[in-house]
Amino acid sequence: MKAFNDFVDAAGQVLVGYGDITKGLLTALLCNGHLLLEGPPGVAKTTLAKTFSTLVAADFKRVQFTPDLLPTDIVGTMMYDPKKAEFRVRKGPIFTNILLADEINRASPKTQSALLEAMEEKQVTIEGTTHVLEKPFIVIATQNPVEQEGTYPLPEAQLDRFLFKVNVNYPDKEGEKEIVRKVVARASSQIKQVFNKGDIIKLREEAAKVQVSEPAIEYITAIVEKLRQSPVVAWGPSPRASIALMSVGRVVAFQNNRGYVAPSDIKRYAVWVLQHRIGIKPEHEAEGATTTGVVSDVLAAVDAP
């Protein structure tokens, strides 16, 4: 679909080597899902989120996660207004369309969990009162590798709320040269919006019309079941993973102007959907097994219908 390619091309004016991730980010937004980016500092994770918000003309807020950050700093709290002699809601930064949770694994698990309700239900509760978040709403979280000092691994329940987990690495030499050229040329001032919030809602509705056949459902569940039965896996993906594969398959088919989901649509982002939803047994992890490798092996082993 031309609009999707225009989106990637526009992002490419600022970002180098992020074409696949940019398209994946748009896919996550159309799936009503969230994205977790993991990589070392300085690889443009924050720039990606800011660029994305410009391209979809959506409200954007950033929260820098730190060890002393409190849940109320994210969702908000009730404050007393002495002039009116009443309490009023002070909404936190979560009331936006695109929330960048920067270095999410530097905050305590209690603070990380403050995002759970918003990510799953698209609402937050402040002092017993529920507040619905504006559509669209997406969390783009970044984290440094967990082996670095001062970080807390995200709990399994939190990880399961992210549609995609994407590993971001350093660019190669040619890519880094292009990054420097773009900074010199100040390319960031040239980008313009491609979609608006209304467009995103309409595209979601169109993608939801894509048909998912019984063989496609069988293929999805075969992948998930194979992962659960793997002798390398300590804990496997939940049913939320199967639903995520179906949703992503629909959007990918829609991007390719097809009215039905094919196996290639399901496999397109399957590693991103599944790699953070499984755990590796310690003895196999010590031998070098990774979640990415295990998922890739399962995808190769399961026959497509």
C-alpha atoms as a PDB file:
ATOM      1  CA  MET A   1       0.000   0.000   0.000  1.00  0.00           C
ATOM      2  CA  LYS A   2       1.425   3.325  -1.098  1.00  0.00           C
ATOM      3  CA  ALA A   3       0.572   5.175   2.126  1.00  0.00           C
ATOM      4  CA  PHE A   4       2.648   2.737   4.171  1.00  0.00           C
ATOM      5  CA  ASN A   5       5.618   3.109   1.827  1.00  0.00           C
ATOM      6  CA  ASP A   6       5.278   6.911   1.997  1.00  0.00           C
ATOM      7  CA  PHE A   7       5.400   6.626   5.780  1.00  0.00           C
ATOM      8  CA  VAL A   8       8.626   4.615   5.701  1.00  0.00           C
ATOM      9  CA  ASP A   9      10.189   6.952   3.113  1.00  0.00           C
ATOM     10  CA  ALA A  10       9.354  10.013   5.211  1.00  0.00           C
ATOM     11  CA  ALA A  11      10.893   8.432   8.317  1.00  0.00           C
ATOM     12  CA  GLY A  12      13.980   7.605   6.264  1.00  0.00           C
ATOM     13  CA  GLN A  13      14.681  11.323   5.886  1.00  0.00           C
ATOM     14  CA  VAL A  14      15.680  11.308   9.546  1.00  0.00           C
ATOM     15  CA  LEU A  15      16.396   7.687  10.464  1.00  0.00           C
ATOM     16  CA  VAL A  16      18.991   5.430   8.875  1.00  0.00           C
ATOM     17  CA  GLY A  17      18.485   1.667   8.809  1.00  0.00           C
ATOM     18  CA  TYR A  18      15.116   1.862  10.552  1.00  0.00           C
ATOM     19  CA  GLY A  19      12.847   1.109   7.593  1.00  0.00           C
ATOM     20  CA  ASP A  20      11.729  -2.278   8.873  1.00  0.00           C
ATOM     21  CA  ILE A  21      11.295  -1.034  12.439  1.00  0.00           C
ATOM     22  CA  THR A  22       9.371   2.034  11.273  1.00  0.00           C
ATOM     23  CA  LYS A  23       6.930  -0.117   9.327  1.00  0.00           C
ATOM     24  CA  GLY A  24       6.678  -2.456  12.301  1.00  0.00           C
ATOM     25  CA  LEU A  25       5.882   0.490  14.556  1.00  0.00           C
ATOM     26  CA  LEU A  26       3.046   1.539  12.270  1.00  0.00           C
ATOM     27  CA  THR A  27       1.863  -2.079  12.229  1.00  0.00           C
ATOM     28  CA  ALA A  28       1.799  -2.086  16.039  1.00  0.00           C
ATOM     29  CA  LEU A  29      -0.252   1.119  16.077  1.00  0.00           C
ATOM     30  CA  LEU A  30      -2.815  -0.357  13.662  1.00  0.00           C
ATOM     31  CA  CYS A  31      -2.974  -3.489  15.857  1.00  0.00           C
ATOM     32  CA  ASN A  32      -3.672  -1.300  18.891  1.00  0.00           C
ATOM     33  CA  GLY A  33      -0.458  -2.691  20.369  1.00  0.00           C
ATOM     34  CA  HIS A  34       2.707  -1.429  22.027  1.00  0.00           C
ATOM     35  CA  LEU A  35       6.398  -1.602  21.176  1.00  0.00           C
ATOM     36  CA  LEU A  36       9.470  -2.369  23.291  1.00  0.00           C
ATOM     37  CA  LEU A  37      12.839  -1.329  21.866  1.00  0.00           C
ATOM     38  CA  GLU A  38      15.934  -2.835  23.450  1.00  0.00           C
ATOM     39  CA  GLY A  39      19.423  -1.645  22.642  1.00  0.00           C
ATOM     40  CA  PRO A  40      22.406   0.325  23.887  1.00  0.00           C
ATOM     41  CA  PRO A  41      22.224   4.086  24.447  1.00  0.00           C
ATOM     42  CA  GLY A  42      22.648   6.372  21.455  1.00  0.00           C
ATOM     43  CA  VAL A  43      21.108   4.239  18.690  1.00  0.00           C
ATOM     44  CA  ALA A  44      18.219   6.655  18.013  1.00  0.00           C
ATOM     45  CA  LYS A  45      15.482   4.848  19.958  1.00  0.00           C
ATOM     46  CA  THR A  46      14.119   8.157  21.258  1.00  0.00           C
ATOM     47  CA  THR A  47      14.479   9.834  17.865  1.00  0.00           C
ATOM     48  CA  LEU A  48      12.424   7.023  16.342  1.00  0.00           C
ATOM     49  CA  ALA A  49       9.545   7.682  18.743  1.00  0.00           C
ATOM     50  CA  LYS A  50       9.629  11.452  18.183  1.00  0.00           C
ATOM     51  CA  THR A  51       9.744  11.027  14.419  1.00  0.00           C
ATOM     52  CA  PHE A  52       6.819   8.618  14.566  1.00  0.00           C
ATOM     53  CA  SER A  53       4.672  11.110  16.465  1.00  0.00           C
ATOM     54  CA  THR A  54       5.362  13.765  13.810  1.00  0.00           C
ATOM     55  CA  LEU A  55       4.441  11.418  10.966  1.00  0.00           C
ATOM     56  CA  VAL A  56       1.053  10.550  12.485  1.00  0.00           C
ATOM     57  CA  ALA A  57       0.373  14.074  13.832  1.00  0.00           C
ATOM     58  CA  ALA A  58      -0.416  12.697  17.270  1.00  0.00           C
ATOM     59  CA  ASP A  59       0.090  14.066  20.758  1.00  0.00           C
ATOM     60  CA  PHE A  60       3.422  12.933  22.166  1.00  0.00           C
ATOM     61  CA  LYS A  61       4.803  12.840  25.700  1.00  0.00           C
ATOM     62  CA  ARG A  62       7.996  11.414  27.103  1.00  0.00           C
ATOM     63  CA  VAL A  63       8.689  10.027  30.558  1.00  0.00           C
ATOM     64  CA  GLN A  64      12.266   9.420  31.610  1.00  0.00           C
ATOM     65  CA  PHE A  65      12.102   6.391  33.898  1.00  0.00           C
ATOM     66  CA  THR A  66      14.382   6.623  36.924  1.00  0.00           C
ATOM     67  CA  PRO A  67      14.672   4.617  40.176  1.00  0.00           C
ATOM     68  CA  ASP A  68      12.797   7.319  42.141  1.00  0.00           C
ATOM     69  CA  LEU A  69       9.894   7.671  39.678  1.00  0.00           C
ATOM     70  CA  LEU A  70       6.498   7.012  41.292  1.00  0.00           C
ATOM     71  CA  PRO A  71       3.352   5.536  39.692  1.00  0.00           C
ATOM     72  CA  THR A  72       1.522   8.822  40.276  1.00  0.00           C
ATOM     73  CA  ASP A  73       4.200  10.590  38.222  1.00  0.00           C
ATOM     74  CA  ILE A  74       2.891   8.610  35.236  1.00  0.00           C
ATOM     75  CA  VAL A  75      -0.870   8.274  35.657  1.00  0.00           C
ATOM     76  CA  GLY A  76      -1.576  11.359  37.778  1.00  0.00           C
ATOM     77  CA  THR A  77      -3.189  11.983  41.144  1.00  0.00           C
ATOM     78  CA  MET A  78      -5.874  13.947  42.976  1.00  0.00           C
ATOM     79  CA  MET A  79      -4.899  17.422  44.152  1.00  0.00           C
ATOM     80  CA  TYR A  80      -6.721  19.778  46.489  1.00  0.00           C
ATOM     81  CA  ASP A  81      -7.727  23.116  44.988  1.00  0.00           C
ATOM     82  CA  PRO A  82      -7.951  25.585  47.898  1.00  0.00           C
ATOM     83  CA  LYS A  83      -9.709  28.218  45.746  1.00  0.00           C
ATOM     84  CA  LYS A  84     -12.603  25.882  44.938  1.00  0.00           C
ATOM     85  CA  ALA A  85     -12.270  23.901  48.168  1.00  0.00           C
ATOM     86  CA  GLU A  86     -12.369  20.615  46.268  1.00  0.00           C
ATOM     87  CA  PHE A  87     -10.122  17.910  44.914  1.00  0.00           C
ATOM     88  CA  ARG A  88      -9.385  17.791  41.191  1.00  0.00           C
ATOM     89  CA  VAL A  89      -7.532  15.385  38.939  1.00  0.00           C
ATOM     90  CA  ARG A  90      -4.014  16.218  37.905  1.00  0.00           C
ATOM     91  CA  LYS A  91      -3.562  14.060  34.829  1.00  0.00           C
ATOM     92  CA  GLY A  92      -0.151  12.519  34.253  1.00  0.00           C
ATOM     93  CA  PRO A  93       1.777  12.225  30.979  1.00  0.00           C
ATOM     94  CA  ILE A  94       0.006   8.952  30.166  1.00  0.00           C
ATOM     95  CA  PHE A  95      -2.881  11.069  28.839  1.00  0.00           C
ATOM     96  CA  THR A  96      -1.532  11.326  25.322  1.00  0.00           C
ATOM     97  CA  ASN A  97      -1.557   9.392  22.030  1.00  0.00           C
ATOM     98  CA  ILE A  98       2.072   8.297  21.952  1.00  0.00           C
ATOM     99  CA  LEU A  99       3.872   7.780  25.246  1.00  0.00           C
ATOM    100  CA  LEU A 100       7.617   7.274  25.163  1.00  0.00           C
ATOM    101  CA  ALA A 101       8.624   5.346  28.276  1.00  0.00           C
ATOM    102  CA  ASP A 102      12.347   5.998  28.040  1.00  0.00           C
ATOM    103  CA  GLU A 103      14.626   3.470  29.755  1.00  0.00           C
ATOM    104  CA  ILE A 104      11.643   1.755  31.329  1.00  0.00           C
ATOM    105  CA  ASN A 105      13.814  -0.864  33.023  1.00  0.00           C
ATOM    106  CA  ARG A 106      15.502   1.765  35.209  1.00  0.00           C
ATOM    107  CA  ALA A 107      12.320   2.218  37.256  1.00  0.00           C
ATOM    108  CA  SER A 108      11.174  -0.107  40.030  1.00  0.00           C
ATOM    109  CA  PRO A 109       8.752  -2.943  39.194  1.00  0.00           C
ATOM    110  CA  LYS A 110       5.991  -1.087  41.091  1.00  0.00           C
ATOM    111  CA  THR A 111       6.332   1.916  38.821  1.00  0.00           C
ATOM    112  CA  GLN A 112       6.602  -0.251  35.712  1.00  0.00           C
ATOM    113  CA  SER A 113       3.318  -1.899  36.639  1.00  0.00           C
ATOM    114  CA  ALA A 114       1.576   1.480  36.616  1.00  0.00           C
ATOM    115  CA  LEU A 115       1.411   1.102  32.834  1.00  0.00           C
ATOM    116  CA  LEU A 116      -0.370  -2.267  32.894  1.00  0.00           C
ATOM    117  CA  GLU A 117      -3.961  -1.025  33.023  1.00  0.00           C
ATOM    118  CA  ALA A 118      -3.332   1.654  30.410  1.00  0.00           C
ATOM    119  CA  MET A 119      -1.647  -0.754  28.010  1.00  0.00           C
ATOM    120  CA  GLU A 120      -4.298  -3.465  28.337  1.00  0.00           C
ATOM    121  CA  GLU A 121      -7.547  -1.557  28.919  1.00  0.00           C
ATOM    122  CA  LYS A 122      -6.649   1.839  27.410  1.00  0.00           C
ATOM    123  CA  GLN A 123      -7.751   3.481  30.634  1.00  0.00           C
ATOM    124  CA  VAL A 124      -6.314   4.465  34.005  1.00  0.00           C
ATOM    125  CA  THR A 125      -7.782   4.584  37.493  1.00  0.00           C
ATOM    126  CA  ILE A 126      -7.014   7.535  39.737  1.00  0.00           C
ATOM    127  CA  GLU A 127      -8.335   7.385  43.302  1.00  0.00           C
ATOM    128  CA  GLY A 128     -11.067   4.941  42.282  1.00  0.00           C
ATOM    129  CA  THR A 129     -12.220   6.881  39.223  1.00  0.00           C
ATOM    130  CA  THR A 130     -11.657   5.440  35.751  1.00  0.00           C
ATOM    131  CA  HIS A 131     -10.438   7.711  32.964  1.00  0.00           C
ATOM    132  CA  VAL A 132     -10.540   6.488  29.357  1.00  0.00           C
ATOM    133  CA  LEU A 133      -7.488   7.356  27.255  1.00  0.00           C
ATOM    134  CA  GLU A 134      -7.858   9.049  23.880  1.00  0.00           C
ATOM    135  CA  LYS A 135      -7.550   6.920  20.743  1.00  0.00           C
ATOM    136  CA  PRO A 136      -5.110   6.027  19.361  1.00  0.00           C
ATOM    137  CA  PHE A 137      -2.870   5.213  22.305  1.00  0.00           C
ATOM    138  CA  ILE A 138       0.482   3.454  22.077  1.00  0.00           C
ATOM    139  CA  VAL A 139       3.386   2.991  24.467  1.00  0.00           C
ATOM    140  CA  ILE A 140       6.838   2.980  22.919  1.00  0.00           C
ATOM    141  CA  ALA A 141       9.184   1.797  25.637  1.00  0.00           C
ATOM    142  CA  THR A 142      12.954   1.732  25.405  1.00  0.00           C
ATOM    143  CA  GLN A 143      15.323  -0.210  27.593  1.00  0.00           C
ATOM    144  CA  ASN A 144      19.015  -0.821  27.825  1.00  0.00           C
ATOM    145  CA  PRO A 145      20.141  -4.458  27.969  1.00  0.00           C
ATOM    146  CA  VAL A 146      19.357  -5.917  31.385  1.00  0.00           C
ATOM    147  CA  GLU A 147      22.969  -6.834  32.049  1.00  0.00           C
ATOM    148  CA  GLN A 148      23.820  -3.146  32.469  1.00  0.00           C
ATOM    149  CA  GLU A 149      24.010  -1.684  35.967  1.00  0.00           C
ATOM    150  CA  GLY A 150      20.980  -0.027  37.558  1.00  0.00           C
ATOM    151  CA  THR A 151      18.306  -1.852  35.561  1.00  0.00           C
ATOM    152  CA  TYR A 152      15.356  -4.035  36.558  1.00  0.00           C
ATOM    153  CA  PRO A 153      14.162  -6.812  34.241  1.00  0.00           C
ATOM    154  CA  LEU A 154      10.562  -6.241  33.172  1.00  0.00           C
ATOM    155  CA  PRO A 155       8.180  -8.750  34.798  1.00  0.00           C
ATOM    156  CA  GLU A 156       6.587 -11.386  32.569  1.00  0.00           C
ATOM    157  CA  ALA A 157       3.124  -9.821  32.866  1.00  0.00           C
ATOM    158  CA  GLN A 158       4.500  -6.484  31.669  1.00  0.00           C
ATOM    159  CA  LEU A 159       6.390  -8.013  28.758  1.00  0.00           C
ATOM    160  CA  ASP A 160       3.263  -9.835  27.605  1.00  0.00           C
ATOM    161  CA  ARG A 161       1.515  -6.476  27.124  1.00  0.00           C
ATOM    162  CA  PHE A 162       3.977  -5.451  24.420  1.00  0.00           C
ATOM    163  CA  LEU A 163       2.940  -6.539  20.948  1.00  0.00           C
ATOM    164  CA  PHE A 164       6.519  -6.344  19.646  1.00  0.00           C
ATOM    165  CA  LYS A 165       9.953  -6.481  21.177  1.00  0.00           C
ATOM    166  CA  VAL A 166      12.630  -5.251  18.788  1.00  0.00           C
ATOM    167  CA  ASN A 167      16.382  -5.491  19.305  1.00  0.00           C
ATOM    168  CA  VAL A 168      18.144  -2.350  18.080  1.00  0.00           C
ATOM    169  CA  ASN A 169      21.848  -2.618  17.332  1.00  0.00           C
ATOM    170  CA  TYR A 170      24.638  -0.245  16.335  1.00  0.00           C
ATOM    171  CA  PRO A 171      24.702   0.714  12.637  1.00  0.00           C
ATOM    172  CA  ASP A 172      27.408  -0.521  10.302  1.00  0.00           C
ATOM    173  CA  LYS A 173      30.091   1.868   9.040  1.00  0.00           C
ATOM    174  CA  GLU A 174      28.168   3.025   5.967  1.00  0.00           C
ATOM    175  CA  GLY A 175      25.024   3.512   8.034  1.00  0.00           C
ATOM    176  CA  GLU A 176      26.883   5.583  10.581  1.00  0.00           C
ATOM    177  CA  LYS A 177      28.350   7.782   7.855  1.00  0.00           C
ATOM    178  CA  GLU A 178      24.829   8.404   6.544  1.00  0.00           C
ATOM    179  CA  ILE A 179      23.649   9.322  10.038  1.00  0.00           C
ATOM    180  CA  VAL A 180      26.352  11.962  10.316  1.00  0.00           C
ATOM    181  CA  ARG A 181      25.428  13.341   6.879  1.00  0.00           C
ATOM    182  CA  LYS A 182      21.781  13.692   7.892  1.00  0.00           C
ATOM    183  CA  VAL A 183      22.712  15.517  11.082  1.00  0.00           C
ATOM    184  CA  VAL A 184      24.886  17.907   9.088  1.00  0.00           C
ATOM    185  CA  ALA A 185      22.015  18.485   6.642  1.00  0.00           C
ATOM    186  CA  ARG A 186      19.519  18.994   9.493  1.00  0.00           C
ATOM    187  CA  ALA A 187      17.135  16.574   7.793  1.00  0.00           C
ATOM    188  CA  SER A 188      14.829  16.393  10.801  1.00  0.00           C
ATOM    189  CA  SER A 189      13.261  19.737   9.869  1.00  0.00           C
ATOM    190  CA  GLN A 190      12.015  18.325   6.554  1.00  0.00           C
ATOM    191  CA  ILE A 191       9.645  15.623   7.741  1.00  0.00           C
ATOM    192  CA  LYS A 192       5.893  16.137   7.433  1.00  0.00           C
ATOM    193  CA  GLN A 193       2.913  14.173   8.630  1.00  0.00           C
ATOM    194  CA  VAL A 194       1.654  11.278   6.532  1.00  0.00           C
ATOM    195  CA  PHE A 195      -1.352  10.238   8.641  1.00  0.00           C
ATOM    196  CA  ASN A 196      -3.553  11.916  11.218  1.00  0.00           C
ATOM    197  CA  LYS A 197      -5.333  10.347  14.182  1.00  0.00           C
ATOM    198  CA  GLY A 198      -8.519   9.897  12.193  1.00  0.00           C
ATOM    199  CA  ASP A 199      -6.625   8.049   9.468  1.00  0.00           C
ATOM    200  CA  ILE A 200      -5.247   5.591  12.023  1.00  0.00           C
ATOM    201  CA  ILE A 201      -8.728   4.776  13.350  1.00  0.00           C
ATOM    202  CA  LYS A 202     -10.056   4.223   9.806  1.00  0.00           C
ATOM    203  CA  LEU A 203      -7.099   2.025   8.852  1.00  0.00           C
ATOM    204  CA  ARG A 204      -7.638  -0.067  11.983  1.00  0.00           C
ATOM    205  CA  GLU A 205     -11.258  -0.618  10.978  1.00  0.00           C
ATOM    206  CA  GLU A 206     -10.275  -1.651   7.445  1.00  0.00           C
ATOM    207  CA  ALA A 207      -7.568  -4.035   8.657  1.00  0.00           C
ATOM    208  CA  ALA A 208     -10.064  -5.691  11.020  1.00  0.00           C
ATOM    209  CA  LYS A 209     -12.105  -6.764   7.978  1.00  0.00           C
ATOM    210  CA  VAL A 210      -9.298  -9.013   6.687  1.00  0.00           C
ATOM    211  CA  GLN A 211     -10.390 -12.656   6.817  1.00  0.00           C
ATOM    212  CA  VAL A 212      -8.579 -15.175   9.000  1.00  0.00           C
ATOM    213  CA  SER A 213      -9.196 -18.719   7.751  1.00  0.00           C
ATOM    214  CA  GLU A 214      -9.264 -21.887   9.851  1.00  0.00           C
ATOM    215  CA  PRO A 215      -5.922 -23.080   8.337  1.00  0.00           C
ATOM    216  CA  ALA A 216      -4.367 -19.749   9.369  1.00  0.00           C
ATOM    217  CA  ILE A 217      -5.660 -20.215  12.922  1.00  0.00           C
ATOM    218  CA  GLU A 218      -4.281 -23.765  12.930  1.00  0.00           C
ATOM    219  CA  TYR A 219      -0.887 -22.455  11.791  1.00  0.00           C
ATOM    220  CA  ILE A 220      -0.812 -19.822  14.549  1.00  0.00           C
ATOM    221  CA  THR A 221      -1.703 -22.263  17.304  1.00  0.00           C
ATOM    222  CA  ALA A 222       0.774 -24.846  15.975  1.00  0.00           C
ATOM    223  CA  ILE A 223       3.600 -22.303  16.326  1.00  0.00           C
ATOM    224  CA  VAL A 224       2.589 -21.377  19.876  1.00  0.00           C
ATOM    225  CA  GLU A 225       2.124 -25.012  20.933  1.00  0.00           C
ATOM    226  CA  LYS A 226       5.507 -25.974  19.487  1.00  0.00           C
ATOM    227  CA  LEU A 227       7.159 -23.257  21.568  1.00  0.00           C
ATOM    228  CA  ARG A 228       5.429 -24.432  24.740  1.00  0.00           C
ATOM    229  CA  GLN A 229       6.604 -27.996  24.132  1.00  0.00           C
ATOM    230  CA  SER A 230      10.205 -27.066  23.325  1.00  0.00           C
ATOM    231  CA  PRO A 231      12.676 -28.720  25.745  1.00  0.00           C
ATOM    232  CA  VAL A 232      14.656 -25.481  25.745  1.00  0.00           C
ATOM    233  CA  VAL A 233      11.755 -23.301  26.912  1.00  0.00           C
ATOM    234  CA  ALA A 234      11.087 -22.781  30.630  1.00  0.00           C
ATOM    235  CA  TRP A 235       7.796 -20.935  30.134  1.00  0.00           C
ATOM    236  CA  GLY A 236       5.936 -20.522  26.883  1.00  0.00           C
ATOM    237  CA  PRO A 237       3.718 -17.888  25.296  1.00  0.00           C
ATOM    238  CA  SER A 238       0.215 -17.206  26.609  1.00  0.00           C
ATOM    239  CA  PRO A 239      -2.932 -17.163  24.461  1.00  0.00           C
ATOM    240  CA  ARG A 240      -2.316 -13.429  24.104  1.00  0.00           C
ATOM    241  CA  ALA A 241       0.548 -14.386  21.784  1.00  0.00           C
ATOM    242  CA  SER A 242      -1.816 -16.272  19.463  1.00  0.00           C
ATOM    243  CA  ILE A 243      -4.163 -13.286  19.349  1.00  0.00           C
ATOM    244  CA  ALA A 244      -1.211 -10.998  18.638  1.00  0.00           C
ATOM    245  CA  LEU A 245      -0.048 -13.168  15.717  1.00  0.00           C
ATOM    246  CA  MET A 246      -3.562 -13.052  14.275  1.00  0.00           C
ATOM    247  CA  SER A 247      -3.848  -9.278  14.635  1.00  0.00           C
ATOM    248  CA  VAL A 248      -0.439  -8.658  13.107  1.00  0.00           C
ATOM    249  CA  GLY A 249      -1.191 -11.063  10.248  1.00  0.00           C
ATOM    250  CA  ARG A 250      -4.324  -9.080   9.428  1.00  0.00           C
ATOM    251  CA  VAL A 251      -2.482  -5.760   9.300  1.00  0.00           C
ATOM    252  CA  VAL A 252       0.362  -7.178   7.173  1.00  0.00           C
ATOM    253  CA  ALA A 253      -2.174  -8.655   4.731  1.00  0.00           C
ATOM    254  CA  PHE A 254      -3.936  -5.284   4.635  1.00  0.00           C
ATOM    255  CA  GLN A 255      -0.637  -3.538   3.890  1.00  0.00           C
ATOM    256  CA  ASN A 256      -0.192  -5.942   0.975  1.00  0.00           C
ATOM    257  CA  ASN A 257      -3.712  -5.225  -0.366  1.00  0.00           C
ATOM    258  CA  ARG A 258      -4.992  -8.708   0.432  1.00  0.00           C
ATOM    259  CA  GLY A 259      -8.314  -9.580   2.018  1.00  0.00           C
ATOM    260  CA  TYR A 260      -7.090 -12.741   3.720  1.00  0.00           C
ATOM    261  CA  VAL A 261      -4.190 -13.736   5.978  1.00  0.00           C
ATOM    262  CA  ALA A 262      -1.439 -15.869   4.428  1.00  0.00           C
ATOM    263  CA  PRO A 263       1.290 -17.788   6.327  1.00  0.00           C
ATOM    264  CA  SER A 264       3.854 -15.213   5.183  1.00  0.00           C
ATOM    265  CA  ASP A 265       1.822 -12.482   6.917  1.00  0.00           C
ATOM    266  CA  ILE A 266       1.940 -14.405  10.187  1.00  0.00           C
ATOM    267  CA  LYS A 267       5.665 -15.084   9.918  1.00  0.00           C
ATOM    268  CA  ARG A 268       6.531 -11.490   8.937  1.00  0.00           C
ATOM    269  CA  TYR A 269       6.832 -10.226  12.526  1.00  0.00           C
ATOM    270  CA  ALA A 270       6.521 -13.528  14.412  1.00  0.00           C
ATOM    271  CA  VAL A 271       9.970 -13.215  16.025  1.00  0.00           C
ATOM    272  CA  TRP A 272       9.107  -9.741  17.330  1.00  0.00           C
ATOM    273  CA  VAL A 273       5.771 -11.005  18.649  1.00  0.00           C
ATOM    274  CA  LEU A 274       7.140 -14.101  20.394  1.00  0.00           C
ATOM    275  CA  GLN A 275      10.742 -13.555  21.491  1.00  0.00           C
ATOM    276  CA  HIS A 276       9.809 -11.731  24.723  1.00  0.00           C
ATOM    277  CA  ARG A 277       6.957 -14.110  25.582  1.00  0.00           C
ATOM    278  CA  ILE A 278       9.129 -17.142  26.328  1.00  0.00           C
ATOM    279  CA  GLY A 279      11.855 -17.949  28.815  1.00  0.00           C
ATOM    280  CA  ILE A 280      14.919 -20.111  28.264  1.00  0.00           C
ATOM    281  CA  LYS A 281      15.912 -22.774  30.781  1.00  0.00           C
ATOM    282  CA  PRO A 282      19.128 -21.727  32.597  1.00  0.00           C
ATOM    283  CA  GLU A 283      21.140 -24.725  31.421  1.00  0.00           C
ATOM    284  CA  HIS A 284      20.328 -23.972  27.785  1.00  0.00           C
ATOM    285  CA  GLU A 285      20.850 -20.239  28.235  1.00  0.00           C
ATOM    286  CA  ALA A 286      24.342 -21.021  29.565  1.00  0.00           C
ATOM    287  CA  GLU A 287      24.988 -22.903  26.325  1.00  0.00           C
ATOM    288  CA  GLY A 288      24.101 -19.827  24.265  1.00  0.00           C
ATOM    289  CA  ALA A 289      20.427 -20.422  23.473  1.00  0.00           C
ATOM    290  CA  THR A 290      18.434 -17.227  22.865  1.00  0.00           C
ATOM    291  CA  THR A 291      14.728 -16.537  22.606  1.00  0.00           C
ATOM    292  CA  THR A 292      15.223 -15.148  19.106  1.00  0.00           C
ATOM    293  CA  GLY A 293      16.987 -18.331  17.986  1.00  0.00           C
ATOM    294  CA  VAL A 294      14.386 -20.619  19.549  1.00  0.00           C
ATOM    295  CA  VAL A 295      11.499 -18.783  17.874  1.00  0.00           C
ATOM    296  CA  SER A 296      13.295 -18.805  14.514  1.00  0.00           C
ATOM    297  CA  ASP A 297      13.888 -22.565  14.799  1.00  0.00           C
ATOM    298  CA  VAL A 298      10.221 -23.207  15.583  1.00  0.00           C
ATOM    299  CA  LEU A 299       9.067 -21.082  12.642  1.00  0.00           C
ATOM    300  CA  ALA A 300      11.323 -23.124  10.378  1.00  0.00           C
ATOM    301  CA  ALA A 301      10.018 -26.409  11.811  1.00  0.00           C
ATOM    302  CA  VAL A 302       6.282 -25.742  11.603  1.00  0.00           C
ATOM    303  CA  ASP A 303       4.836 -26.399   8.157  1.00  0.00           C
ATOM    304  CA  ALA A 304       2.621 -23.705   6.683  1.00  0.00           C
ATOM    305  CA  PRO A 305      -0.810 -24.771   5.406  1.00  0.00           C
END
